[in-house]
Protein backbone atom coordinates (compact mmCIF):
# COMPACT_ATOMS: atom_id res chain seq x y z
CA UNK A 1 6.56 -15.03 18.54
CA UNK A 2 8.10 -15.07 15.32
CA UNK A 3 9.57 -12.51 13.20
CA UNK A 4 11.42 -13.98 9.39
CA UNK A 5 14.37 -15.23 9.42
CA UNK A 6 17.03 -12.85 6.81
CA UNK A 7 18.20 -9.61 7.71
CA UNK A 8 15.80 -7.15 9.39
CA UNK A 9 16.40 -3.79 11.72
CA UNK A 10 15.07 -2.32 14.36
CA UNK A 11 14.15 1.44 13.64
CA UNK A 12 12.26 3.67 15.85
CA UNK A 13 8.55 3.09 16.00
CA UNK A 14 7.60 7.29 16.42
CA UNK A 15 3.60 6.26 15.94
CA UNK A 16 2.56 8.78 17.38
CA UNK A 17 -0.93 9.06 15.63
CA UNK A 18 -1.00 5.76 17.61
CA UNK A 19 -4.45 5.68 19.50
CA UNK A 20 -6.11 8.93 17.69
CA UNK A 21 -9.69 7.88 16.14
CA UNK A 22 -10.43 7.92 12.73
CA UNK A 23 -11.44 11.25 11.47
CA UNK A 24 -13.66 11.90 8.42
CA UNK A 25 -11.87 14.88 5.67
CA UNK A 26 -14.70 16.56 3.63
CA UNK A 27 -13.61 16.73 -0.35
CA UNK A 28 -12.32 20.25 -1.61
CA UNK A 29 -13.93 22.16 -4.48
CA UNK A 30 -12.01 20.44 -7.20
CA UNK A 31 -10.56 16.82 -7.34
CA UNK A 32 -8.12 15.67 -9.23
CA UNK A 33 -8.39 12.09 -9.81
CA UNK A 34 -5.31 9.94 -11.87
CA UNK A 35 -6.28 7.38 -14.00
CA UNK A 36 -2.90 5.04 -13.04
CA UNK A 37 -3.54 4.22 -9.42
CA UNK A 38 -2.03 0.59 -9.29
CA UNK A 39 0.62 -1.06 -11.24
CA UNK A 40 -0.23 -2.42 -14.57
CA UNK A 41 -1.88 0.08 -17.46
CA UNK A 42 -3.64 2.96 -16.72
CA UNK A 43 -7.47 2.77 -16.94
CA UNK A 44 -9.08 4.54 -19.87
CA UNK A 45 -11.23 7.60 -19.41
CA UNK A 46 -15.02 6.64 -20.43
CA UNK A 47 -15.83 10.36 -19.68
CA UNK A 48 -16.07 13.80 -21.33
CA UNK A 49 -15.56 17.14 -20.38
CA UNK A 50 -19.01 18.34 -19.52
CA UNK A 51 -20.54 14.64 -18.25
CA UNK A 52 -22.43 15.10 -14.88
CA UNK A 53 -20.97 12.22 -12.20
CA UNK A 54 -21.64 11.01 -8.79
CA UNK A 55 -19.86 9.23 -5.87
CA UNK A 56 -18.90 5.94 -7.33
CA UNK A 57 -19.29 6.60 -11.28
CA UNK A 58 -17.44 4.89 -13.54
CA UNK A 59 -14.71 7.00 -14.55
CA UNK A 60 -11.63 4.89 -15.82
CA UNK A 61 -12.21 1.78 -17.08
CA UNK A 62 -9.49 -1.40 -16.78
CA UNK A 63 -7.53 -1.16 -19.74
CA UNK A 64 -5.58 -4.43 -19.96
CA UNK A 65 -5.33 -8.15 -17.29
CA UNK A 66 -3.21 -5.95 -14.98
CA UNK A 67 -5.25 -2.54 -14.46
CA UNK A 68 -7.93 -1.61 -12.07
CA UNK A 69 -11.23 0.32 -12.83
CA UNK A 70 -10.97 3.97 -11.21
CA UNK A 71 -14.78 5.46 -9.75
CA UNK A 72 -15.03 8.93 -9.20
CA UNK A 73 -15.17 10.03 -5.25
CA UNK A 74 -17.35 13.14 -6.01
CA UNK A 75 -20.19 14.19 -7.40
CA UNK A 76 -19.92 17.45 -9.64
CA UNK A 77 -19.01 18.24 -13.15
CA UNK A 78 -15.90 16.97 -15.25
CA UNK A 79 -14.16 20.02 -16.58
CA UNK A 80 -11.13 17.85 -18.67
CA UNK A 81 -9.32 15.21 -19.10
CA UNK A 82 -5.83 16.04 -18.61
CA UNK A 83 -2.30 14.71 -17.54
CA UNK A 84 -1.85 16.16 -14.30
CA UNK A 85 2.37 15.80 -12.29
CA UNK A 86 2.16 12.84 -9.32
CA UNK A 87 4.42 12.63 -6.29
CA UNK A 88 8.02 12.93 -8.06
CA UNK A 89 6.74 15.00 -10.77
CA UNK A 90 6.36 12.61 -13.07
CA UNK A 91 3.07 13.90 -15.91
CA UNK A 92 0.42 11.12 -15.10
CA UNK A 93 -3.68 10.64 -16.91
CA UNK A 94 -6.13 12.13 -14.73
CA UNK A 95 -10.19 13.19 -14.62
CA UNK A 96 -10.72 16.80 -13.22
CA UNK A 97 -13.50 16.93 -11.25
CA UNK A 98 -15.71 20.35 -10.04
CA UNK A 99 -17.02 19.44 -6.63
CA UNK A 100 -20.89 19.82 -6.70
CA UNK A 101 -22.96 18.17 -3.72
CA UNK A 102 -22.37 15.09 -2.57
CA UNK A 103 -24.90 12.31 -4.17
CA UNK A 104 -24.07 8.80 -4.27
CA UNK A 105 -24.43 6.46 -7.18
CA UNK A 106 -27.71 4.73 -5.78
CA UNK A 107 -26.47 1.43 -6.17
CA UNK A 108 -24.19 2.09 -2.88
CA UNK A 109 -25.16 1.03 0.25
CA UNK A 110 -24.34 3.37 2.79
CA UNK A 111 -25.63 2.48 5.52
CA UNK A 112 -23.02 1.40 8.40
CA UNK A 113 -25.06 -1.46 9.45
CA UNK A 114 -22.95 -4.94 9.29
CA UNK A 115 -23.64 -7.16 6.12
CA UNK A 116 -22.62 -11.31 7.46
CA UNK A 117 -23.66 -13.60 4.98
CA UNK A 118 -22.26 -13.60 1.45
CA UNK A 119 -23.57 -16.46 -0.63
CA UNK A 120 -21.52 -15.46 -3.77
CA UNK A 121 -19.38 -17.75 -5.76
CA UNK A 122 -15.67 -17.49 -6.15
CA UNK A 123 -16.26 -16.42 -9.36
CA UNK A 124 -18.90 -13.90 -8.51
CA UNK A 125 -16.49 -12.88 -5.47
CA UNK A 126 -13.93 -11.86 -8.03
CA UNK A 127 -16.33 -10.46 -10.13
CA UNK A 128 -17.42 -7.29 -7.98
CA UNK A 129 -13.65 -6.89 -6.70
CA UNK A 130 -12.48 -5.77 -10.52
CA UNK A 131 -15.64 -4.18 -10.90
CA UNK A 132 -14.65 -1.91 -7.94
CA UNK A 133 -11.23 -1.31 -9.07
CA UNK A 134 -9.71 -2.76 -6.22
CA UNK A 135 -5.93 -2.67 -5.41
CA UNK A 136 -3.19 -3.56 -2.98
CA UNK A 137 -3.54 -0.93 -0.40
CA UNK A 138 -0.58 -1.46 1.62
CA UNK A 139 1.43 0.44 -1.22
CA UNK A 140 2.35 -1.85 -4.19
CA UNK A 141 -1.10 -1.37 -5.44
CA UNK A 142 -1.70 -4.44 -7.61
CA UNK A 143 -4.60 -5.01 -9.16
CA UNK A 144 -6.55 -7.25 -6.02
CA UNK A 145 -8.81 -9.24 -8.70
CA UNK A 146 -5.58 -10.74 -10.24
CA UNK A 147 -3.71 -11.80 -6.94
CA UNK A 148 -6.68 -14.16 -6.86
CA UNK A 149 -7.03 -15.37 -9.34
CA UNK A 150 -3.26 -17.63 -9.69
CA UNK A 151 -1.98 -19.39 -12.72
CA UNK A 152 -3.27 -22.81 -14.12
CA UNK A 153 -1.35 -25.32 -12.14
CA UNK A 154 -1.43 -23.29 -9.01
CA UNK A 155 -3.13 -23.54 -6.01
CA UNK A 156 -4.04 -21.20 -2.32
CA UNK A 157 -3.75 -22.95 0.87
CA UNK A 158 -3.72 -19.79 3.25
CA UNK A 159 -4.48 -16.46 3.27
CA UNK A 160 -2.59 -13.73 4.93
CA UNK A 161 -3.80 -10.87 6.08
CA UNK A 162 -0.60 -8.28 6.70
CA UNK A 163 -1.96 -6.01 9.53
CA UNK A 164 1.68 -5.48 10.71
CA UNK A 165 2.35 -2.13 9.92
CA UNK A 166 6.09 -2.40 10.53
CA UNK A 167 7.07 1.15 8.59
CA UNK A 168 7.57 3.63 11.51
CA UNK A 169 4.90 6.43 11.96
CA UNK A 170 2.42 5.33 10.12
CA UNK A 171 -0.98 3.90 11.73
CA UNK A 172 -4.10 3.82 9.42
CA UNK A 173 -3.92 0.10 9.32
CA UNK A 174 -4.10 0.07 13.27
CA UNK A 175 -6.75 2.19 13.04
CA UNK A 176 -8.71 0.48 10.86
CA UNK A 177 -8.41 -2.70 12.75
CA UNK A 178 -9.88 -0.99 15.87
CA UNK A 179 -13.04 1.10 14.18
CA UNK A 180 -13.97 -1.52 11.88
CA UNK A 181 -13.03 -5.28 12.87
CA UNK A 182 -16.16 -6.96 12.55
CA UNK A 183 -16.15 -5.81 8.69
CA UNK A 184 -12.23 -6.79 8.29
CA UNK A 185 -13.66 -10.21 9.04
CA UNK A 186 -16.10 -11.24 7.17
CA UNK A 187 -13.90 -9.12 4.59
CA UNK A 188 -11.53 -12.41 5.45
CA UNK A 189 -14.02 -14.67 5.24
CA UNK A 190 -15.24 -13.32 1.64
CA UNK A 191 -11.38 -13.70 0.57
CA UNK A 192 -11.05 -17.49 1.52
CA UNK A 193 -14.07 -18.49 -0.20
CA UNK A 194 -12.92 -16.46 -3.81
CA UNK A 195 -9.21 -18.57 -3.34
CA UNK A 196 -11.00 -21.55 -1.50
CA UNK A 197 -8.95 -22.03 1.33
CA UNK A 198 -10.09 -22.47 4.62
CA UNK A 199 -7.28 -21.41 7.10
CA UNK A 200 -6.44 -17.70 7.23
CA UNK A 201 -4.12 -15.96 9.66
CA UNK A 202 -4.24 -12.31 10.35
CA UNK A 203 -0.28 -11.42 11.57
CA UNK A 204 -0.25 -8.09 13.88
CA UNK A 205 2.99 -6.69 15.28
CA UNK A 206 3.60 -7.04 18.96
CA UNK A 207 3.57 -3.15 19.32
CA UNK A 208 -0.84 -3.25 18.91
CA UNK A 209 -1.68 -5.16 21.62
CA UNK A 210 -5.13 -3.34 21.68
CA UNK A 211 -5.62 -4.19 17.68
CA UNK A 212 -4.24 -7.57 18.66
CA UNK A 213 -6.86 -8.59 21.72
CA UNK A 214 -9.59 -7.04 19.30
CA UNK A 215 -8.37 -9.36 16.20
CA UNK A 216 -8.41 -12.36 18.28
CA UNK A 217 -11.94 -11.37 19.92
CA UNK A 218 -13.32 -11.50 16.53
CA UNK A 219 -12.14 -14.48 15.14
CA UNK A 220 -12.01 -16.61 17.96
CA UNK A 221 -15.97 -16.71 16.77
CA UNK A 222 -15.35 -18.09 13.39
CA UNK A 223 -13.69 -20.88 11.78
CA UNK A 224 -10.58 -21.36 10.09
CA UNK A 225 -9.21 -17.42 11.30
CA UNK A 226 -6.33 -17.04 13.60
CA UNK A 227 -4.30 -13.85 14.78
CA UNK A 228 -0.94 -14.39 14.91
CA UNK A 229 1.38 -11.65 17.09
CA UNK A 230 4.65 -11.09 15.22
CA UNK A 231 7.67 -10.11 16.51
CA UNK A 232 8.53 -6.59 15.98
CA UNK A 233 10.82 -6.31 12.54
CA UNK A 234 11.24 -3.99 9.70
CA UNK A 235 10.52 -4.98 6.95
CA UNK A 236 7.97 -7.52 8.65
CA UNK A 237 5.51 -6.06 5.87
CA UNK A 238 6.82 -7.25 2.73
CA UNK A 239 5.20 -10.09 1.26
CA UNK A 240 8.18 -12.17 1.10
CA UNK A 241 8.95 -11.65 4.90
CA UNK A 242 5.48 -12.21 5.90
CA UNK A 243 5.15 -15.45 4.04
CA UNK A 244 8.19 -16.37 5.92
CA UNK A 245 7.45 -15.20 9.93
CA UNK A 246 3.79 -16.96 9.34
CA UNK A 247 4.61 -20.13 7.86
CA UNK A 248 7.60 -20.42 7.90
CA UNK A 249 7.97 -21.28 4.15
CA UNK A 250 10.66 -19.04 1.59
CA UNK A 251 10.02 -17.74 -1.25
CA UNK A 252 12.48 -18.59 -4.26
CA UNK A 253 13.86 -15.90 -6.23
CA UNK A 254 11.43 -15.05 -9.40
CA UNK A 255 8.90 -16.54 -8.07
CA UNK A 256 5.39 -15.52 -6.61
CA UNK A 257 3.58 -16.27 -3.13
CA UNK A 258 1.34 -18.41 -4.57
CA UNK A 259 4.21 -20.95 -5.05
CA UNK A 260 4.34 -21.77 -1.06
CA UNK A 261 0.42 -21.65 -1.68
CA UNK A 262 -0.14 -18.70 0.43
CA UNK A 263 -2.01 -15.66 -1.25
CA UNK A 264 -1.39 -12.35 1.16
CA UNK A 265 -3.58 -9.46 1.28
CA UNK A 266 -3.08 -5.95 3.20
CA UNK A 267 -5.89 -5.97 5.52
CA UNK A 268 -7.35 -1.79 4.47
CA UNK A 269 -7.66 -4.31 0.74
CA UNK A 270 -9.55 -6.53 3.12
CA UNK A 271 -12.38 -4.35 4.63
CA UNK A 272 -12.21 -2.28 0.72
CA UNK A 273 -13.10 -6.06 -0.20
CA UNK A 274 -16.06 -6.15 2.14
CA UNK A 275 -17.09 -2.14 1.45
CA UNK A 276 -17.39 -3.46 -2.34
CA UNK A 277 -19.05 -6.82 -1.82
CA UNK A 278 -21.36 -6.74 0.65
CA UNK A 279 -22.04 -2.32 0.30
CA UNK A 280 -21.25 -2.65 -3.56
CA UNK A 281 -18.49 0.19 -2.74
CA UNK A 282 -16.15 0.81 -4.94
CA UNK A 283 -13.02 1.78 -3.51
CA UNK A 284 -13.20 5.62 -3.78
CA UNK A 285 -12.21 6.37 0.18
CA UNK A 286 -9.60 5.23 2.87
CA UNK A 287 -7.51 5.57 5.93
CA UNK A 288 -4.21 7.53 5.80
CA UNK A 289 -1.69 9.13 8.38
CA UNK A 290 -0.61 12.62 8.03
CA UNK A 291 2.41 12.60 11.43
CA UNK A 292 5.70 13.79 11.93
CA UNK A 293 7.70 15.14 15.11
CA UNK A 294 6.89 18.76 14.22
CA UNK A 295 3.11 18.74 13.66
CA UNK A 296 0.32 20.43 15.74
CA UNK A 297 -2.00 17.40 14.93
CA UNK A 298 -0.97 13.58 14.07
CA UNK A 299 -3.77 11.95 12.88
CA UNK A 300 -5.32 8.91 10.95
CA UNK A 301 -7.89 10.68 8.05
CA UNK A 302 -10.26 8.62 6.12
CA UNK A 303 -10.52 10.69 2.77
CA UNK A 304 -11.98 10.73 -0.61
CA UNK A 305 -9.44 9.78 -3.40
CA UNK A 306 -8.26 13.11 -5.36
CA UNK A 307 -8.60 15.05 -2.14
CA UNK A 308 -5.48 17.68 -2.23
CA UNK A 309 -3.83 19.18 0.82
CA UNK A 310 -6.48 19.27 3.06
CA UNK A 311 -5.24 16.51 4.92
CA UNK A 312 -1.96 18.46 6.31
CA UNK A 313 -4.48 21.85 6.86
CA UNK A 314 -6.13 19.25 9.26
CA UNK A 315 -3.59 18.21 11.19
CA UNK A 316 -2.40 21.33 12.12
CA UNK A 317 -0.55 22.70 8.73
CA UNK A 318 3.02 22.56 7.37
CA UNK A 319 5.46 23.18 10.13
CA UNK A 320 8.24 25.65 10.26
CA UNK A 321 11.06 23.41 10.46
CA UNK A 322 10.03 20.86 7.52
CA UNK A 323 12.44 19.48 5.32
CA UNK A 324 10.98 16.72 3.67
CA UNK A 325 7.30 16.07 2.72
CA UNK A 326 7.22 12.31 1.82
CA UNK A 327 4.06 10.64 0.54
CA UNK A 328 4.56 6.77 2.92
CA UNK A 329 6.63 6.25 5.90
CA UNK A 330 10.27 7.31 6.15
CA UNK A 331 11.57 3.91 5.38
CA UNK A 332 9.96 3.13 1.63
CA UNK A 333 7.88 6.37 0.98
CA UNK A 334 9.13 8.97 -1.64
CA UNK A 335 9.63 12.28 -1.12
CA UNK A 336 6.99 15.04 -2.87
CA UNK A 337 7.71 17.88 -5.05
CA UNK A 338 4.89 19.26 -3.45
CA UNK A 339 1.45 19.36 -1.37
CA UNK A 340 -0.37 20.21 -3.75
CA UNK A 341 -1.06 16.46 -5.21
CA UNK A 342 -3.99 14.16 -4.71
CA UNK A 343 -4.38 11.44 -2.35
CA UNK A 344 -4.77 8.03 -4.19
CA UNK A 345 -5.73 4.48 -3.59
CA UNK A 346 -2.40 3.56 -2.32
CA UNK A 347 -1.31 6.25 0.14
CA UNK A 348 -1.01 5.41 3.44
CA UNK A 349 0.85 8.10 5.19
CA UNK A 350 2.09 11.96 4.20
CA UNK A 351 4.79 12.34 6.68
CA UNK A 352 6.19 16.08 7.26
CA UNK A 353 9.97 15.15 8.50
CA UNK A 354 12.28 18.26 10.41
CA UNK A 355 14.57 19.57 8.31
CA UNK A 356 17.40 18.78 10.94
CA UNK A 357 16.49 15.19 10.12
CA UNK A 358 15.41 15.80 6.67
CA UNK A 359 19.56 16.67 5.82
CA UNK A 360 22.00 14.26 4.32
CA UNK A 361 24.93 13.65 6.25
CA UNK A 362 27.90 13.43 3.69
CA UNK A 363 28.42 10.13 2.04
CA UNK A 364 32.14 8.69 2.20
CA UNK A 365 33.69 5.52 1.42
CA UNK A 366 32.73 2.11 1.73
CA UNK A 367 34.18 0.17 4.79
CA UNK A 368 33.54 -3.23 3.65
CA UNK A 369 31.67 -3.50 7.61
CA UNK A 370 29.13 -5.50 5.46
CA UNK A 371 26.38 -4.33 7.60
CA UNK A 372 23.98 -3.85 4.64
CA UNK A 373 24.72 -7.77 3.25
CA UNK A 374 23.55 -8.88 7.35
CA UNK A 375 20.43 -6.77 7.15
CA UNK A 376 19.20 -7.21 3.68
CA UNK A 377 16.14 -9.45 4.18
CA UNK A 378 16.66 -10.42 0.94
CA UNK A 379 19.99 -11.95 1.19
CA UNK A 380 21.37 -9.54 -1.82
CA UNK A 381 24.77 -7.74 -1.25
CA UNK A 382 23.57 -4.34 -1.75
CA UNK A 383 27.39 -2.36 -1.52
CA UNK A 384 27.67 -4.77 -4.67
CA UNK A 385 24.09 -3.85 -6.10
CA UNK A 386 25.19 -0.17 -5.61
CA UNK A 387 28.48 -0.57 -7.17
CA UNK A 388 27.57 -1.94 -10.41
CA UNK A 389 24.55 0.37 -10.59
CA UNK A 390 27.31 3.36 -10.61
CA UNK A 391 29.26 1.56 -13.23
CA UNK A 392 26.14 0.60 -15.06
CA UNK A 393 26.97 -2.75 -15.86
CA UNK A 394 23.24 -4.08 -15.51
CA UNK A 395 24.19 -8.02 -17.03
CA UNK A 396 26.10 -8.28 -14.14
CA UNK A 397 23.99 -6.49 -11.42
CA UNK A 398 20.68 -8.93 -13.12
CA UNK A 399 22.60 -12.17 -12.43
CA UNK A 400 22.76 -10.76 -8.75
CA UNK A 401 19.33 -10.47 -8.61
CA UNK A 402 18.95 -6.70 -8.26
CA UNK A 403 15.51 -7.33 -9.26
CA UNK A 404 14.39 -9.08 -6.00
CA UNK A 405 15.62 -6.20 -4.52
CA UNK A 406 12.29 -5.31 -2.46
CA UNK A 407 13.31 -1.46 -1.55
CA UNK A 408 12.71 -1.08 2.42
CA UNK A 409 15.82 1.22 2.86
CA UNK A 410 17.74 -1.18 5.37
CA UNK A 411 20.71 -1.32 4.09
CA UNK A 412 20.93 3.02 3.54
CA UNK A 413 19.40 2.96 7.25
CA UNK A 414 22.37 0.73 8.55
CA UNK A 415 25.15 2.15 6.46
CA UNK A 416 27.69 3.76 8.76
CA UNK A 417 29.27 5.37 5.70
CA UNK A 418 26.00 7.28 4.73
CA UNK A 419 26.22 5.66 1.75
CA UNK A 420 22.82 6.21 -0.92
CA UNK A 421 22.61 2.52 -1.36
CA UNK A 422 18.84 2.19 -2.20
CA UNK A 423 18.96 5.24 -4.28
CA UNK A 424 21.11 3.42 -6.47
CA UNK A 425 20.01 0.02 -6.49
CA UNK A 426 16.22 1.93 -7.29
CA UNK A 427 17.35 3.23 -10.40
CA UNK A 428 19.61 0.13 -11.36
CA UNK A 429 16.47 -2.57 -10.74
CA UNK A 430 14.09 0.10 -13.23
CA UNK A 431 16.71 0.08 -15.67
CA UNK A 432 17.80 -3.76 -15.69
CA UNK A 433 13.45 -4.25 -15.45
CA UNK A 434 13.42 -2.38 -18.33
CA UNK A 435 16.01 -4.68 -20.26
CA UNK A 436 14.34 -7.73 -19.32
CA UNK A 437 11.22 -6.32 -20.69
CA UNK A 438 12.59 -5.56 -24.13
CA UNK A 439 14.08 -8.70 -24.09
CA UNK A 440 10.36 -10.60 -23.76
CA UNK A 441 9.27 -8.40 -26.38
């Protein structure tokens, strides 16, 4: 079995919710649907206070090339267009809706019938994906229609489906494959048509033998689709790391995956593409893991976008010893200031960490052990990038490729001096990227 060739670590899996079937969670009496659930410009509201909406009604229209439509996940009445505080406490535009019944747009096929055949052209497929507001559901939330439209002169050779789910604790992708394997295979075929390739590889880490067995059985019936078991290694779910593991090609600094002929899509995105193209269903719900060592019932839920806090309640509530709530996994997730925030398109998990594990140990001086350099999957020098960020030497930080950091946290995880390497690098990366954008303008 293959894996990527530079850096990487082996954190404990803690897949406490593995094997748990997906449970449906009903929406709450009120939902808040953010208009910026993706990388790029937030969608522009196309509804107003007092408007009636159904499940699947367009409420936010993409506001640029890198943007995505947003749809109502419930039926009811729009109460206001206002701002909300996201998990980090930052204000974001959002649509507030009072839920009234559960009426869906008539164009959506709600049946469980598998629709295999797709006769649409590549342009028509990409158009339906854009209309449905599909984004990368592995956490990056890049608008999918943009990924499927490579720049002139670029040609895709292979579709790589990211079913790795290397982040500790999270099992939403794993549970989705077990429940919707046939639909995912159809989604793969649709995406192959969209980018005009004859080969697709579904990469799955070896700690999911049941998913590997099922997906291999389904893929064997199709031409050009294969399942590749991969060695367990974090952060194999990173685009560049997965490309290296699957086709042994490395994407250069500043380049996109298409530069080596690859288009990478998360397995959750592939399922959403199936629903958009074959069922006319926009992205209004997703599978999410709620877990933690003290959580009564670690679970995988399918829930509507905008659902608030009921997910944690359905998993048994917040344990008394909880010290931190994280949106996502422990490595790349972000600490939430409150549990009263809406679930979004990129929400893959909610992790409740016990107080004893959430406490940071006092930072000590760097001992020049170079462990952070050894484990960096991008071949960077994290100790140096942290120092450059501390001293705000942004030009030098840019010269040492700080923007190439994928924020995986491997450096902080392995540091024997407990230095907050990722925190400073993340701050420095944001600053340098802002400087670069200003320079381009």
